[in-house]
Amino acid sequence: MKIYGFNTPNVHKVVYTAEKLGTRYEYIPVNLLAGEQRKPEHLDRHCWGMVPALEIEGECLVESNAICRHLARIGDSPLYPHHPMAAARVDEMIDMIVLHPGRALGTFFFEEVVKAGFMQQDPDPAALEAAQKQLNDQLPAIDSRLSCHTFLCGDQLTIADTIAVPVFATAQMTSVDLSAFPHLQAWLERAVSRPAWKRTLKVCSEGMPA
């Protein structure tokens, strides 16, 4: 099993899920800054020339959330429950996080990390203001859920958590302040202090340009 990636949140989702599952894999860096994603061999893995991509048993799979689901399924892991409604609840939470606060957090990451750090452009204040309003509207519900449960879908770790941790961890690289959401902040701090997350960051830093 090979995971092709770069040091980005979507790749972190896949590597972090693999680490929590105890899956054996080979990590192969794809240097986006050098244009390696546009090479024919990578376009054969991902038609849009993006990361992550999973190569397994001669086939390739893309899209980080789909890869995480597949890894949990083939690992026959409780990270993705067998019961249809329990699995649906995990899918529900993944979609809620990724499609809503995840988009706002992605705006902060793009404006303050990608644009400011790599593109040498000033962040767009209007985009950041809109993203902050979205977070203010949506994060109270997530914080309330975590006030009652250890994890996003109850008291059992699931791939909803392994997918959401990298999403929320981007806050630590931006001006996003999670202190108004203490249960969410505590959940995140517990996750990023553990060995699996530290291994994830170490793995994904391999092959990065100096």
N, C-alpha and C. Protein backbone atom coordinates (compact mmCIF):
# COMPACT_ATOMS: atom_id res chain seq x y z
N MET A 1 0.84 -1.19 0.00
CA MET A 1 0.00 0.00 0.00
C MET A 1 0.88 1.24 0.00
N LYS A 2 0.60 2.16 -0.91
CA LYS A 2 1.38 3.38 -1.02
C LYS A 2 0.45 4.59 -0.90
N ILE A 3 0.89 5.57 -0.12
CA ILE A 3 0.17 6.83 0.00
C ILE A 3 1.04 7.91 -0.62
N TYR A 4 0.51 8.58 -1.64
CA TYR A 4 1.22 9.67 -2.30
C TYR A 4 0.69 10.98 -1.72
N GLY A 5 1.60 11.84 -1.28
CA GLY A 5 1.09 13.05 -0.66
C GLY A 5 2.10 14.18 -0.55
N PHE A 6 1.63 15.24 0.04
CA PHE A 6 2.38 16.47 0.31
C PHE A 6 1.95 16.89 1.71
N ASN A 7 2.63 17.83 2.30
CA ASN A 7 2.35 18.19 3.69
C ASN A 7 1.15 19.13 3.78
N THR A 8 -0.04 18.57 3.53
CA THR A 8 -1.27 19.34 3.53
C THR A 8 -2.32 18.65 4.40
N PRO A 9 -3.35 19.38 4.84
CA PRO A 9 -4.37 18.78 5.71
C PRO A 9 -5.06 17.57 5.12
N ASN A 10 -5.36 17.57 3.82
CA ASN A 10 -6.05 16.42 3.24
C ASN A 10 -5.18 15.17 3.26
N VAL A 11 -3.90 15.34 3.08
CA VAL A 11 -2.98 14.19 3.18
C VAL A 11 -2.85 13.76 4.64
N HIS A 12 -2.84 14.73 5.55
CA HIS A 12 -2.79 14.39 6.98
C HIS A 12 -3.96 13.48 7.36
N LYS A 13 -5.15 13.73 6.80
CA LYS A 13 -6.30 12.88 7.12
C LYS A 13 -5.99 11.41 6.84
N VAL A 14 -5.43 11.15 5.67
CA VAL A 14 -5.18 9.77 5.25
C VAL A 14 -4.09 9.13 6.09
N VAL A 15 -2.99 9.85 6.28
CA VAL A 15 -1.88 9.28 7.05
C VAL A 15 -2.29 9.09 8.51
N TYR A 16 -3.01 10.05 9.06
CA TYR A 16 -3.45 9.95 10.46
C TYR A 16 -4.41 8.76 10.64
N THR A 17 -5.32 8.58 9.69
CA THR A 17 -6.23 7.44 9.75
C THR A 17 -5.45 6.13 9.68
N ALA A 18 -4.49 6.06 8.76
CA ALA A 18 -3.66 4.86 8.64
C ALA A 18 -2.89 4.59 9.93
N GLU A 19 -2.38 5.65 10.55
CA GLU A 19 -1.65 5.48 11.81
C GLU A 19 -2.57 4.98 12.92
N LYS A 20 -3.78 5.53 13.02
CA LYS A 20 -4.71 5.09 14.06
C LYS A 20 -5.18 3.66 13.83
N LEU A 21 -5.23 3.24 12.56
CA LEU A 21 -5.62 1.87 12.24
C LEU A 21 -4.48 0.89 12.43
N GLY A 22 -3.26 1.39 12.49
CA GLY A 22 -2.10 0.51 12.53
C GLY A 22 -1.80 -0.12 11.18
N THR A 23 -2.20 0.57 10.10
CA THR A 23 -2.01 0.07 8.75
C THR A 23 -0.56 0.23 8.32
N ARG A 24 -0.03 -0.80 7.67
CA ARG A 24 1.32 -0.70 7.12
C ARG A 24 1.23 -0.04 5.74
N TYR A 25 2.04 0.97 5.52
CA TYR A 25 1.99 1.70 4.26
C TYR A 25 3.35 2.29 3.96
N GLU A 26 3.54 2.65 2.70
CA GLU A 26 4.72 3.39 2.28
C GLU A 26 4.28 4.78 1.88
N TYR A 27 4.92 5.78 2.43
CA TYR A 27 4.57 7.16 2.09
C TYR A 27 5.53 7.66 1.02
N ILE A 28 4.97 8.18 -0.08
CA ILE A 28 5.78 8.68 -1.19
C ILE A 28 5.44 10.15 -1.40
N PRO A 29 6.37 11.05 -1.10
CA PRO A 29 6.09 12.48 -1.26
C PRO A 29 5.97 12.88 -2.72
N VAL A 30 5.03 13.77 -2.99
CA VAL A 30 4.86 14.37 -4.32
C VAL A 30 5.08 15.86 -4.13
N ASN A 31 6.16 16.38 -4.67
CA ASN A 31 6.52 17.79 -4.45
C ASN A 31 5.67 18.69 -5.34
N LEU A 32 4.60 19.25 -4.76
CA LEU A 32 3.70 20.11 -5.53
C LEU A 32 4.40 21.38 -6.00
N LEU A 33 5.34 21.86 -5.20
CA LEU A 33 6.03 23.11 -5.56
C LEU A 33 6.93 22.92 -6.78
N ALA A 34 7.39 21.69 -6.99
CA ALA A 34 8.23 21.39 -8.15
C ALA A 34 7.42 20.87 -9.33
N GLY A 35 6.10 20.79 -9.16
CA GLY A 35 5.24 20.36 -10.25
C GLY A 35 5.19 18.86 -10.48
N GLU A 36 5.61 18.08 -9.47
CA GLU A 36 5.62 16.62 -9.66
C GLU A 36 4.22 16.05 -9.85
N GLN A 37 3.20 16.78 -9.39
CA GLN A 37 1.83 16.30 -9.53
C GLN A 37 1.36 16.31 -10.98
N ARG A 38 2.09 17.01 -11.85
CA ARG A 38 1.70 17.08 -13.26
C ARG A 38 2.43 16.07 -14.14
N LYS A 39 3.29 15.28 -13.51
CA LYS A 39 4.00 14.25 -14.27
C LYS A 39 3.02 13.16 -14.69
N PRO A 40 3.25 12.56 -15.87
CA PRO A 40 2.31 11.55 -16.37
C PRO A 40 2.05 10.41 -15.39
N GLU A 41 3.08 9.97 -14.69
CA GLU A 41 2.89 8.85 -13.78
C GLU A 41 1.96 9.21 -12.62
N HIS A 42 1.98 10.49 -12.20
CA HIS A 42 1.04 10.87 -11.13
C HIS A 42 -0.35 11.14 -11.69
N LEU A 43 -0.44 11.67 -12.88
CA LEU A 43 -1.74 11.88 -13.50
C LEU A 43 -2.45 10.54 -13.74
N ASP A 44 -1.69 9.48 -13.87
CA ASP A 44 -2.30 8.15 -13.97
C ASP A 44 -2.94 7.74 -12.64
N ARG A 45 -2.42 8.28 -11.54
CA ARG A 45 -2.99 7.98 -10.22
C ARG A 45 -4.16 8.90 -9.92
N HIS A 46 -4.02 10.18 -10.27
CA HIS A 46 -5.04 11.18 -9.96
C HIS A 46 -5.24 12.04 -11.20
N CYS A 47 -6.41 11.96 -11.81
CA CYS A 47 -6.63 12.61 -13.10
C CYS A 47 -6.51 14.13 -13.03
N TRP A 48 -6.66 14.70 -11.83
CA TRP A 48 -6.54 16.14 -11.68
C TRP A 48 -5.16 16.57 -11.17
N GLY A 49 -4.27 15.61 -10.97
CA GLY A 49 -2.94 15.95 -10.52
C GLY A 49 -2.93 16.53 -9.12
N MET A 50 -3.63 15.86 -8.21
CA MET A 50 -3.72 16.34 -6.83
C MET A 50 -3.26 15.24 -5.88
N VAL A 51 -3.22 15.56 -4.62
CA VAL A 51 -2.94 14.59 -3.56
C VAL A 51 -4.01 14.75 -2.49
N PRO A 52 -4.26 13.66 -1.73
CA PRO A 52 -3.56 12.38 -1.70
C PRO A 52 -4.06 11.43 -2.78
N ALA A 53 -3.27 10.36 -2.99
CA ALA A 53 -3.68 9.23 -3.79
C ALA A 53 -3.21 7.98 -3.07
N LEU A 54 -4.05 6.97 -3.09
CA LEU A 54 -3.73 5.68 -2.48
C LEU A 54 -3.57 4.66 -3.59
N GLU A 55 -2.47 3.94 -3.58
CA GLU A 55 -2.25 2.85 -4.51
C GLU A 55 -2.28 1.54 -3.73
N ILE A 56 -3.19 0.65 -4.10
CA ILE A 56 -3.36 -0.58 -3.36
C ILE A 56 -3.81 -1.70 -4.30
N GLU A 57 -3.06 -2.77 -4.30
CA GLU A 57 -3.37 -3.94 -5.12
C GLU A 57 -3.59 -3.57 -6.58
N GLY A 58 -2.72 -2.71 -7.08
CA GLY A 58 -2.75 -2.35 -8.49
C GLY A 58 -3.79 -1.32 -8.87
N GLU A 59 -4.52 -0.82 -7.90
CA GLU A 59 -5.53 0.20 -8.18
C GLU A 59 -5.23 1.47 -7.40
N CYS A 60 -5.75 2.58 -7.90
CA CYS A 60 -5.55 3.86 -7.21
C CYS A 60 -6.90 4.43 -6.78
N LEU A 61 -6.89 5.05 -5.64
CA LEU A 61 -8.08 5.68 -5.08
C LEU A 61 -7.71 7.09 -4.66
N VAL A 62 -8.58 8.05 -4.95
CA VAL A 62 -8.32 9.45 -4.58
C VAL A 62 -9.50 9.98 -3.77
N GLU A 63 -9.33 11.20 -3.30
CA GLU A 63 -10.24 11.89 -2.38
C GLU A 63 -10.03 11.37 -0.96
N SER A 64 -9.57 12.27 -0.12
CA SER A 64 -9.10 11.90 1.22
C SER A 64 -10.16 11.19 2.05
N ASN A 65 -11.39 11.67 2.03
CA ASN A 65 -12.42 11.05 2.86
C ASN A 65 -12.75 9.64 2.38
N ALA A 66 -12.80 9.46 1.05
CA ALA A 66 -13.05 8.14 0.48
C ALA A 66 -11.92 7.17 0.84
N ILE A 67 -10.69 7.67 0.80
CA ILE A 67 -9.55 6.82 1.16
C ILE A 67 -9.65 6.40 2.62
N CYS A 68 -10.00 7.33 3.50
CA CYS A 68 -10.11 7.01 4.93
C CYS A 68 -11.19 5.95 5.17
N ARG A 69 -12.32 6.09 4.50
CA ARG A 69 -13.38 5.09 4.63
C ARG A 69 -12.88 3.72 4.17
N HIS A 70 -12.19 3.70 3.05
CA HIS A 70 -11.70 2.43 2.50
C HIS A 70 -10.70 1.78 3.45
N LEU A 71 -9.79 2.57 3.98
CA LEU A 71 -8.80 2.01 4.90
C LEU A 71 -9.47 1.39 6.12
N ALA A 72 -10.49 2.05 6.63
CA ALA A 72 -11.19 1.51 7.81
C ALA A 72 -11.97 0.25 7.45
N ARG A 73 -12.57 0.23 6.25
CA ARG A 73 -13.34 -0.95 5.84
C ARG A 73 -12.44 -2.17 5.67
N ILE A 74 -11.33 -2.01 4.97
CA ILE A 74 -10.48 -3.17 4.71
C ILE A 74 -9.75 -3.60 5.98
N GLY A 75 -9.64 -2.68 6.94
CA GLY A 75 -9.06 -3.04 8.22
C GLY A 75 -10.08 -3.63 9.17
N ASP A 76 -11.35 -3.73 8.72
CA ASP A 76 -12.44 -4.26 9.55
C ASP A 76 -12.40 -3.61 10.93
N SER A 77 -12.35 -2.28 10.91
CA SER A 77 -12.11 -1.52 12.14
C SER A 77 -13.38 -0.86 12.66
N PRO A 78 -13.52 -0.78 13.98
CA PRO A 78 -14.64 -0.03 14.57
C PRO A 78 -14.55 1.47 14.31
N LEU A 79 -13.43 1.93 13.74
CA LEU A 79 -13.36 3.34 13.37
C LEU A 79 -14.45 3.70 12.36
N TYR A 80 -14.93 2.68 11.62
CA TYR A 80 -16.06 2.90 10.70
C TYR A 80 -17.05 1.78 10.97
N PRO A 81 -18.10 2.05 11.75
CA PRO A 81 -18.97 0.98 12.26
C PRO A 81 -19.64 0.17 11.15
N HIS A 82 -19.96 -1.08 11.47
CA HIS A 82 -20.66 -1.95 10.52
C HIS A 82 -22.16 -1.64 10.48
N HIS A 83 -22.73 -1.28 11.61
CA HIS A 83 -24.18 -1.04 11.65
C HIS A 83 -24.52 0.14 10.75
N PRO A 84 -25.51 -0.02 9.85
CA PRO A 84 -25.80 1.03 8.86
C PRO A 84 -26.06 2.40 9.46
N MET A 85 -26.87 2.48 10.53
CA MET A 85 -27.15 3.80 11.10
C MET A 85 -25.93 4.39 11.77
N ALA A 86 -25.15 3.54 12.45
CA ALA A 86 -23.93 4.05 13.09
C ALA A 86 -22.96 4.57 12.04
N ALA A 87 -22.84 3.85 10.92
CA ALA A 87 -21.97 4.31 9.83
C ALA A 87 -22.50 5.60 9.23
N ALA A 88 -23.82 5.69 9.11
CA ALA A 88 -24.43 6.91 8.58
C ALA A 88 -24.16 8.11 9.48
N ARG A 89 -24.17 7.89 10.79
CA ARG A 89 -23.87 8.98 11.72
C ARG A 89 -22.43 9.46 11.55
N VAL A 90 -21.53 8.52 11.31
CA VAL A 90 -20.13 8.90 11.07
C VAL A 90 -20.04 9.70 9.77
N ASP A 91 -20.70 9.20 8.72
CA ASP A 91 -20.70 9.93 7.44
C ASP A 91 -21.32 11.32 7.60
N GLU A 92 -22.39 11.39 8.36
CA GLU A 92 -23.05 12.67 8.62
C GLU A 92 -22.09 13.67 9.25
N MET A 93 -21.35 13.22 10.26
CA MET A 93 -20.43 14.12 10.94
C MET A 93 -19.28 14.52 10.03
N ILE A 94 -18.77 13.57 9.24
CA ILE A 94 -17.71 13.91 8.30
C ILE A 94 -18.17 15.01 7.35
N ASP A 95 -19.36 14.83 6.77
CA ASP A 95 -19.87 15.84 5.84
C ASP A 95 -20.11 17.18 6.53
N MET A 96 -20.65 17.14 7.75
CA MET A 96 -20.90 18.38 8.47
C MET A 96 -19.60 19.16 8.71
N ILE A 97 -18.56 18.44 9.13
CA ILE A 97 -17.29 19.10 9.43
C ILE A 97 -16.63 19.61 8.16
N VAL A 98 -16.49 18.74 7.17
CA VAL A 98 -15.73 19.08 5.97
C VAL A 98 -16.42 20.14 5.13
N LEU A 99 -17.74 20.05 5.00
CA LEU A 99 -18.46 20.94 4.10
C LEU A 99 -18.84 22.28 4.71
N HIS A 100 -18.75 22.39 6.03
CA HIS A 100 -19.20 23.62 6.68
C HIS A 100 -18.07 24.32 7.44
N PRO A 101 -17.79 24.04 8.72
CA PRO A 101 -16.65 24.73 9.33
C PRO A 101 -15.34 24.43 8.64
N GLY A 102 -15.23 23.24 8.02
CA GLY A 102 -14.00 22.91 7.30
C GLY A 102 -13.71 23.87 6.16
N ARG A 103 -14.77 24.31 5.50
CA ARG A 103 -14.57 25.28 4.42
C ARG A 103 -14.08 26.62 4.96
N ALA A 104 -14.64 27.03 6.08
CA ALA A 104 -14.20 28.29 6.68
C ALA A 104 -12.76 28.20 7.14
N LEU A 105 -12.41 27.09 7.78
CA LEU A 105 -11.03 26.89 8.20
C LEU A 105 -10.10 26.81 7.00
N GLY A 106 -10.59 26.22 5.91
CA GLY A 106 -9.81 26.16 4.68
C GLY A 106 -9.56 27.55 4.11
N THR A 107 -10.53 28.45 4.27
CA THR A 107 -10.33 29.82 3.83
C THR A 107 -9.20 30.48 4.60
N PHE A 108 -9.20 30.32 5.92
CA PHE A 108 -8.11 30.87 6.73
C PHE A 108 -6.77 30.27 6.31
N PHE A 109 -6.75 28.96 6.09
CA PHE A 109 -5.49 28.30 5.71
C PHE A 109 -5.00 28.83 4.37
N PHE A 110 -5.91 28.98 3.40
CA PHE A 110 -5.50 29.47 2.09
C PHE A 110 -5.03 30.92 2.17
N GLU A 111 -5.82 31.76 2.85
CA GLU A 111 -5.50 33.18 2.87
C GLU A 111 -4.23 33.49 3.68
N GLU A 112 -4.08 32.81 4.81
CA GLU A 112 -2.99 33.18 5.73
C GLU A 112 -1.74 32.31 5.61
N VAL A 113 -1.89 31.12 5.08
CA VAL A 113 -0.73 30.23 4.94
C VAL A 113 -0.30 30.13 3.48
N VAL A 114 -1.24 29.76 2.60
CA VAL A 114 -0.87 29.56 1.20
C VAL A 114 -0.59 30.89 0.50
N LYS A 115 -1.55 31.83 0.57
CA LYS A 115 -1.36 33.09 -0.12
C LYS A 115 -0.22 33.91 0.49
N ALA A 116 -0.26 34.04 1.82
CA ALA A 116 0.74 34.89 2.47
C ALA A 116 2.12 34.23 2.45
N GLY A 117 2.16 32.91 2.65
CA GLY A 117 3.45 32.24 2.78
C GLY A 117 4.08 31.80 1.48
N PHE A 118 3.27 31.31 0.55
CA PHE A 118 3.81 30.76 -0.68
C PHE A 118 3.62 31.67 -1.89
N MET A 119 2.52 32.41 -1.92
CA MET A 119 2.22 33.24 -3.08
C MET A 119 2.63 34.69 -2.88
N GLN A 120 3.05 35.02 -1.64
CA GLN A 120 3.48 36.38 -1.33
C GLN A 120 2.39 37.41 -1.65
N GLN A 121 1.14 37.05 -1.29
CA GLN A 121 0.01 37.95 -1.49
C GLN A 121 -0.66 38.23 -0.15
N ASP A 122 -1.27 39.39 -0.05
CA ASP A 122 -1.97 39.74 1.18
C ASP A 122 -3.28 38.97 1.29
N PRO A 123 -3.64 38.54 2.51
CA PRO A 123 -4.94 37.89 2.69
C PRO A 123 -6.08 38.83 2.36
N ASP A 124 -7.21 38.25 2.00
CA ASP A 124 -8.41 39.01 1.66
C ASP A 124 -9.24 39.21 2.94
N PRO A 125 -9.30 40.43 3.47
CA PRO A 125 -10.03 40.65 4.73
C PRO A 125 -11.50 40.26 4.65
N ALA A 126 -12.14 40.49 3.53
CA ALA A 126 -13.56 40.15 3.39
C ALA A 126 -13.76 38.64 3.46
N ALA A 127 -12.88 37.89 2.84
CA ALA A 127 -12.98 36.43 2.88
C ALA A 127 -12.78 35.92 4.30
N LEU A 128 -11.83 36.51 5.01
CA LEU A 128 -11.59 36.09 6.40
C LEU A 128 -12.76 36.46 7.31
N GLU A 129 -13.34 37.62 7.08
CA GLU A 129 -14.48 38.04 7.89
C GLU A 129 -15.66 37.09 7.69
N ALA A 130 -15.93 36.73 6.45
CA ALA A 130 -17.04 35.80 6.16
C ALA A 130 -16.76 34.43 6.77
N ALA A 131 -15.52 33.97 6.68
CA ALA A 131 -15.16 32.67 7.24
C ALA A 131 -15.30 32.68 8.75
N GLN A 132 -14.91 33.79 9.40
CA GLN A 132 -15.02 33.86 10.85
C GLN A 132 -16.49 33.85 11.28
N LYS A 133 -17.34 34.53 10.53
CA LYS A 133 -18.77 34.51 10.86
C LYS A 133 -19.32 33.09 10.75
N GLN A 134 -18.90 32.37 9.72
CA GLN A 134 -19.35 30.99 9.57
C GLN A 134 -18.91 30.14 10.76
N LEU A 135 -17.68 30.30 11.19
CA LEU A 135 -17.19 29.55 12.36
C LEU A 135 -17.98 29.92 13.61
N ASN A 136 -18.23 31.20 13.80
CA ASN A 136 -18.99 31.64 14.98
C ASN A 136 -20.40 31.05 14.99
N ASP A 137 -20.97 30.87 13.81
CA ASP A 137 -22.32 30.33 13.71
C ASP A 137 -22.35 28.81 13.92
N GLN A 138 -21.30 28.13 13.49
CA GLN A 138 -21.35 26.66 13.43
C GLN A 138 -20.61 25.94 14.54
N LEU A 139 -19.55 26.53 15.06
CA LEU A 139 -18.75 25.81 16.04
C LEU A 139 -19.44 25.60 17.39
N PRO A 140 -20.38 26.45 17.81
CA PRO A 140 -21.06 26.16 19.08
C PRO A 140 -21.72 24.78 19.10
N ALA A 141 -22.29 24.34 18.00
CA ALA A 141 -22.93 23.03 17.98
C ALA A 141 -21.91 21.90 18.13
N ILE A 142 -20.74 22.06 17.50
CA ILE A 142 -19.69 21.05 17.64
C ILE A 142 -19.16 21.04 19.07
N ASP A 143 -18.99 22.23 19.63
CA ASP A 143 -18.51 22.33 21.01
C ASP A 143 -19.50 21.69 21.98
N SER A 144 -20.78 21.92 21.75
CA SER A 144 -21.81 21.34 22.60
C SER A 144 -21.79 19.82 22.53
N ARG A 145 -21.62 19.28 21.35
CA ARG A 145 -21.55 17.83 21.18
C ARG A 145 -20.37 17.26 21.98
N LEU A 146 -19.24 17.93 21.91
CA LEU A 146 -18.04 17.44 22.60
C LEU A 146 -18.09 17.70 24.10
N SER A 147 -19.05 18.49 24.56
CA SER A 147 -19.23 18.65 26.01
C SER A 147 -19.86 17.42 26.63
N CYS A 148 -20.52 16.61 25.79
CA CYS A 148 -21.23 15.42 26.27
C CYS A 148 -20.51 14.12 25.92
N HIS A 149 -19.60 14.18 24.95
CA HIS A 149 -18.96 12.96 24.46
C HIS A 149 -17.46 13.19 24.31
N THR A 150 -16.72 12.10 24.38
CA THR A 150 -15.26 12.17 24.22
C THR A 150 -14.88 12.43 22.77
N PHE A 151 -15.67 11.87 21.84
CA PHE A 151 -15.36 11.99 20.43
C PHE A 151 -16.56 12.54 19.67
N LEU A 152 -16.40 12.81 18.41
CA LEU A 152 -17.43 13.49 17.64
C LEU A 152 -18.71 12.68 17.49
N CYS A 153 -18.58 11.36 17.46
CA CYS A 153 -19.76 10.50 17.28
C CYS A 153 -20.08 9.69 18.53
N GLY A 154 -19.65 10.17 19.67
CA GLY A 154 -19.95 9.47 20.92
C GLY A 154 -18.68 9.25 21.73
N ASP A 155 -18.60 8.11 22.36
CA ASP A 155 -17.45 7.82 23.21
C ASP A 155 -16.52 6.80 22.57
N GLN A 156 -16.65 6.61 21.26
CA GLN A 156 -15.79 5.72 20.49
C GLN A 156 -15.12 6.53 19.38
N LEU A 157 -13.80 6.42 19.28
CA LEU A 157 -13.08 7.07 18.18
C LEU A 157 -13.57 6.51 16.85
N THR A 158 -13.80 7.39 15.88
CA THR A 158 -14.18 6.97 14.53
C THR A 158 -13.38 7.77 13.51
N ILE A 159 -13.59 7.41 12.24
CA ILE A 159 -12.90 8.19 11.20
C ILE A 159 -13.44 9.60 11.10
N ALA A 160 -14.59 9.88 11.71
CA ALA A 160 -15.02 11.28 11.79
C ALA A 160 -13.97 12.10 12.54
N ASP A 161 -13.38 11.52 13.58
CA ASP A 161 -12.34 12.21 14.34
C ASP A 161 -11.03 12.27 13.56
N THR A 162 -10.64 11.15 12.92
CA THR A 162 -9.35 11.16 12.23
C THR A 162 -9.38 12.07 11.01
N ILE A 163 -10.56 12.30 10.46
CA ILE A 163 -10.70 13.25 9.35
C ILE A 163 -10.80 14.68 9.87
N ALA A 164 -11.49 14.87 11.01
CA ALA A 164 -11.71 16.22 11.52
C ALA A 164 -10.49 16.81 12.21
N VAL A 165 -9.68 15.98 12.85
CA VAL A 165 -8.51 16.52 13.56
C VAL A 165 -7.61 17.32 12.62
N PRO A 166 -7.22 16.80 11.44
CA PRO A 166 -6.39 17.63 10.55
C PRO A 166 -7.08 18.90 10.09
N VAL A 167 -8.41 18.84 9.94
CA VAL A 167 -9.16 20.04 9.54
C VAL A 167 -9.03 21.12 10.61
N PHE A 168 -9.29 20.74 11.86
CA PHE A 168 -9.24 21.74 12.93
C PHE A 168 -7.80 22.10 13.32
N ALA A 169 -6.86 21.21 13.07
CA ALA A 169 -5.47 21.51 13.40
C ALA A 169 -4.92 22.67 12.58
N THR A 170 -5.57 22.97 11.44
CA THR A 170 -5.12 24.12 10.65
C THR A 170 -5.28 25.42 11.44
N ALA A 171 -6.18 25.42 12.42
CA ALA A 171 -6.36 26.63 13.24
C ALA A 171 -5.06 27.02 13.92
N GLN A 172 -4.23 26.03 14.24
CA GLN A 172 -2.98 26.31 14.93
C GLN A 172 -1.95 26.99 14.04
N MET A 173 -2.23 27.03 12.73
CA MET A 173 -1.33 27.70 11.78
C MET A 173 -1.87 29.04 11.32
N THR A 174 -3.04 29.41 11.82
CA THR A 174 -3.69 30.63 11.36
C THR A 174 -4.10 31.49 12.57
N SER A 175 -4.84 32.54 12.29
CA SER A 175 -5.29 33.43 13.36
C SER A 175 -6.58 32.95 14.02
N VAL A 176 -7.11 31.81 13.61
CA VAL A 176 -8.34 31.28 14.21
C VAL A 176 -8.11 30.99 15.69
N ASP A 177 -9.02 31.49 16.50
CA ASP A 177 -8.94 31.31 17.95
C ASP A 177 -10.09 30.40 18.39
N LEU A 178 -9.76 29.23 18.92
CA LEU A 178 -10.78 28.28 19.35
C LEU A 178 -11.08 28.36 20.84
N SER A 179 -10.53 29.36 21.53
CA SER A 179 -10.68 29.41 22.98
C SER A 179 -12.13 29.61 23.43
N ALA A 180 -12.98 30.14 22.55
CA ALA A 180 -14.39 30.31 22.89
C ALA A 180 -15.15 28.98 22.85
N PHE A 181 -14.46 27.93 22.40
CA PHE A 181 -15.08 26.61 22.27
C PHE A 181 -14.22 25.60 23.04
N PRO A 182 -14.31 25.63 24.37
CA PRO A 182 -13.36 24.88 25.20
C PRO A 182 -13.39 23.38 25.01
N HIS A 183 -14.55 22.80 24.74
CA HIS A 183 -14.63 21.35 24.58
C HIS A 183 -14.02 20.93 23.24
N LEU A 184 -14.26 21.71 22.21
CA LEU A 184 -13.63 21.46 20.93
C LEU A 184 -12.11 21.62 21.04
N GLN A 185 -11.69 22.67 21.71
CA GLN A 185 -10.27 22.92 21.88
C GLN A 185 -9.61 21.78 22.66
N ALA A 186 -10.26 21.29 23.71
CA ALA A 186 -9.69 20.20 24.51
C ALA A 186 -9.60 18.91 23.69
N TRP A 187 -10.64 18.63 22.90
CA TRP A 187 -10.63 17.46 22.01
C TRP A 187 -9.45 17.53 21.05
N LEU A 188 -9.23 18.70 20.45
CA LEU A 188 -8.14 18.87 19.51
C LEU A 188 -6.78 18.74 20.20
N GLU A 189 -6.64 19.36 21.35
CA GLU A 189 -5.36 19.32 22.06
C GLU A 189 -5.00 17.91 22.49
N ARG A 190 -6.01 17.12 22.89
CA ARG A 190 -5.74 15.72 23.24
C ARG A 190 -5.22 14.96 22.03
N ALA A 191 -5.87 15.20 20.89
CA ALA A 191 -5.50 14.46 19.68
C ALA A 191 -4.09 14.81 19.21
N VAL A 192 -3.77 16.09 19.15
CA VAL A 192 -2.48 16.48 18.58
C VAL A 192 -1.31 16.23 19.53
N SER A 193 -1.61 15.90 20.77
CA SER A 193 -0.53 15.59 21.72
C SER A 193 -0.13 14.12 21.68
N ARG A 194 -0.90 13.30 20.95
CA ARG A 194 -0.68 11.86 20.97
C ARG A 194 0.29 11.41 19.88
N PRO A 195 0.91 10.23 20.08
CA PRO A 195 1.94 9.77 19.13
C PRO A 195 1.48 9.65 17.69
N ALA A 196 0.24 9.20 17.45
CA ALA A 196 -0.20 9.00 16.07
C ALA A 196 -0.18 10.30 15.28
N TRP A 197 -0.57 11.40 15.92
CA TRP A 197 -0.54 12.69 15.21
C TRP A 197 0.89 13.15 14.99
N LYS A 198 1.74 12.95 15.98
CA LYS A 198 3.13 13.35 15.81
C LYS A 198 3.81 12.54 14.72
N ARG A 199 3.48 11.24 14.63
CA ARG A 199 4.02 10.43 13.53
C ARG A 199 3.49 10.93 12.19
N THR A 200 2.23 11.32 12.16
CA THR A 200 1.64 11.84 10.92
C THR A 200 2.40 13.06 10.42
N LEU A 201 2.67 14.00 11.29
CA LEU A 201 3.39 15.21 10.88
C LEU A 201 4.81 14.88 10.45
N LYS A 202 5.44 13.93 11.12
CA LYS A 202 6.80 13.54 10.76
C LYS A 202 6.82 12.89 9.38
N VAL A 203 5.87 11.97 9.16
CA VAL A 203 5.81 11.29 7.86
C VAL A 203 5.55 12.29 6.75
N CYS A 204 4.60 13.19 6.94
CA CYS A 204 4.21 14.11 5.87
C CYS A 204 5.24 15.21 5.63
N SER A 205 6.17 15.37 6.53
CA SER A 205 7.24 16.35 6.31
C SER A 205 8.37 15.77 5.46
N GLU A 206 8.35 14.45 5.21
CA GLU A 206 9.39 13.83 4.41
C GLU A 206 9.32 14.33 2.97
N GLY A 207 10.47 14.63 2.43
CA GLY A 207 10.52 15.06 1.04
C GLY A 207 10.09 16.48 0.80
N MET A 208 9.77 17.21 1.87
CA MET A 208 9.36 18.60 1.69
C MET A 208 10.58 19.44 1.33
N PRO A 209 10.38 20.44 0.47
CA PRO A 209 11.51 21.31 0.13
C PRO A 209 12.03 22.07 1.33
N ALA A 210 13.33 22.26 1.38
CA ALA A 210 13.96 22.94 2.52
C ALA A 210 13.56 24.42 2.53
